[in-house]
């Protein structure tokens, strides 16, 4: 069944101690302008908090914005938490300061797409539309 943009629920989360959220807010705005329902967690959320919020909000897409370099350990922890919270089928994207050498490891952890710093917001919108519809 195809979902309309207005039915697609996206959580954008800022894990760890990273206090920089301008990029996340730009993505939140682009997703909202595309018609998605967007929930933003705010700063410094633990993987446990992110998984709980994603489950409580019944999201279709989980997006992490990570600039701190801690994307691998955060995603390892989140990978274990997603099934525990019934989020096995959520589309999972990670953006931020992600070196190319880490992309395959993230995908091996279950991340569906990686959007490094500088990725056009429209590319994220398009990816979500393709994956959810």
Protein backbone atom coordinates (compact mmCIF):
# COMPACT_ATOMS: atom_id res chain seq x y z
CA UNK A 1 0.00 0.00 0.00
CA UNK A 2 1.42 3.36 -1.01
CA UNK A 3 1.51 6.06 1.66
CA UNK A 4 0.91 9.71 0.90
CA UNK A 5 3.66 12.07 2.08
CA UNK A 6 1.35 13.33 4.81
CA UNK A 7 1.09 9.79 6.19
CA UNK A 8 4.86 9.23 6.39
CA UNK A 9 6.23 9.72 9.90
CA UNK A 10 9.93 10.59 10.27
CA UNK A 11 11.96 10.88 13.45
CA UNK A 12 15.13 12.97 13.28
CA UNK A 13 17.39 12.35 16.26
CA UNK A 14 20.61 13.87 17.58
CA UNK A 15 22.42 11.12 19.51
CA UNK A 16 25.35 11.39 21.86
CA UNK A 17 27.09 14.51 23.06
CA UNK A 18 26.98 16.30 19.72
CA UNK A 19 25.57 19.78 20.34
CA UNK A 20 25.43 20.95 16.73
CA UNK A 21 21.97 20.72 15.22
CA UNK A 22 21.77 23.28 12.40
CA UNK A 23 22.01 20.53 9.76
CA UNK A 24 19.37 18.43 11.51
CA UNK A 25 17.02 21.42 11.63
CA UNK A 26 17.57 22.08 7.91
CA UNK A 27 16.62 18.46 7.19
CA UNK A 28 13.60 18.66 9.50
CA UNK A 29 12.40 21.75 7.62
CA UNK A 30 12.95 20.13 4.19
CA UNK A 31 11.03 17.01 5.26
CA UNK A 32 8.18 19.11 6.64
CA UNK A 33 8.03 21.16 3.45
CA UNK A 34 7.82 17.87 1.51
CA UNK A 35 4.70 17.08 3.52
CA UNK A 36 6.07 14.45 5.90
CA UNK A 37 5.11 14.31 9.57
CA UNK A 38 8.40 15.06 11.37
CA UNK A 39 9.35 14.58 15.00
CA UNK A 40 12.65 16.10 16.17
CA UNK A 41 14.15 14.74 19.39
CA UNK A 42 16.34 17.67 20.27
CA UNK A 43 19.95 17.32 21.34
CA UNK A 44 21.95 14.68 23.19
CA UNK A 45 19.60 11.69 23.09
CA UNK A 46 20.78 8.21 24.01
CA UNK A 47 20.15 5.28 21.66
CA UNK A 48 17.67 3.99 24.25
CA UNK A 49 15.73 7.28 24.21
CA UNK A 50 15.77 7.35 20.41
CA UNK A 51 14.42 3.80 20.11
CA UNK A 52 11.70 4.49 22.68
CA UNK A 53 10.63 7.73 20.96
CA UNK A 54 10.62 6.02 17.54
CA UNK A 55 8.40 3.24 18.89
CA UNK A 56 6.09 5.60 20.77
CA UNK A 57 5.69 7.80 17.68
CA UNK A 58 5.20 4.78 15.36
CA UNK A 59 7.60 6.18 12.79
CA UNK A 60 8.27 4.89 9.30
CA UNK A 61 11.73 6.47 9.10
CA UNK A 62 14.44 6.92 11.70
CA UNK A 63 17.08 9.50 10.84
CA UNK A 64 20.20 10.15 12.89
CA UNK A 65 22.28 13.31 12.53
CA UNK A 66 25.81 12.70 13.85
CA UNK A 67 28.71 15.12 13.61
CA UNK A 68 30.74 13.88 16.58
CA UNK A 69 32.38 10.87 14.94
CA UNK A 70 30.57 8.43 17.24
CA UNK A 71 28.22 7.12 14.54
CA UNK A 72 29.55 3.52 14.59
CA UNK A 73 29.10 2.82 18.34
CA UNK A 74 25.77 4.65 18.41
CA UNK A 75 24.48 2.64 15.44
CA UNK A 76 25.76 -0.63 16.93
CA UNK A 77 23.74 0.05 20.08
CA UNK A 78 20.70 1.17 18.13
CA UNK A 79 20.86 -1.94 15.95
CA UNK A 80 20.32 -4.06 19.07
CA UNK A 81 17.49 -1.85 20.31
CA UNK A 82 15.39 -1.59 17.14
CA UNK A 83 14.02 -5.18 17.23
CA UNK A 84 13.38 -4.90 20.98
CA UNK A 85 11.09 -1.95 20.24
CA UNK A 86 9.33 -3.51 17.23
CA UNK A 87 11.22 -1.33 14.76
CA UNK A 88 12.59 -4.07 12.50
CA UNK A 89 10.93 -2.58 9.43
CA UNK A 90 11.74 1.10 9.99
CA UNK A 91 13.74 2.81 7.24
CA UNK A 92 16.98 3.90 8.91
CA UNK A 93 19.13 6.74 7.58
CA UNK A 94 22.23 8.39 9.01
CA UNK A 95 23.61 11.76 8.05
CA UNK A 96 26.36 14.06 9.12
CA UNK A 97 30.13 13.82 9.36
CA UNK A 98 30.36 10.26 8.05
CA UNK A 99 33.61 9.21 6.33
CA UNK A 100 33.15 7.16 3.15
CA UNK A 101 35.14 4.31 4.73
CA UNK A 102 32.38 3.88 7.36
CA UNK A 103 29.42 3.62 4.96
CA UNK A 104 29.68 -0.13 4.38
CA UNK A 105 29.93 -0.84 8.10
CA UNK A 106 26.85 1.28 8.77
CA UNK A 107 24.95 -0.53 6.03
CA UNK A 108 26.06 -3.83 7.57
CA UNK A 109 24.45 -2.67 10.81
CA UNK A 110 21.16 -2.15 8.98
CA UNK A 111 21.38 1.50 7.95
CA UNK A 112 19.49 1.89 4.67
CA UNK A 113 21.26 5.04 3.48
CA UNK A 114 24.06 7.37 4.51
CA UNK A 115 23.93 11.08 3.70
CA UNK A 116 27.27 12.80 4.40
CA UNK A 117 27.58 16.50 5.19
CA UNK A 118 26.68 18.47 2.07
CA UNK A 119 24.06 16.04 0.79
CA UNK A 120 21.18 17.98 -0.76
CA UNK A 121 18.08 17.80 1.44
CA UNK A 122 16.06 16.87 -1.66
CA UNK A 123 18.10 13.65 -1.98
CA UNK A 124 16.87 12.62 1.47
CA UNK A 125 13.28 13.52 0.62
CA UNK A 126 13.52 11.52 -2.62
CA UNK A 127 15.06 8.51 -0.88
CA UNK A 128 12.28 8.42 1.72
CA UNK A 129 9.56 8.74 -0.93
CA UNK A 130 11.09 5.85 -2.92
CA UNK A 131 11.51 3.58 0.11
CA UNK A 132 8.12 4.17 1.67
CA UNK A 133 5.90 4.30 -1.40
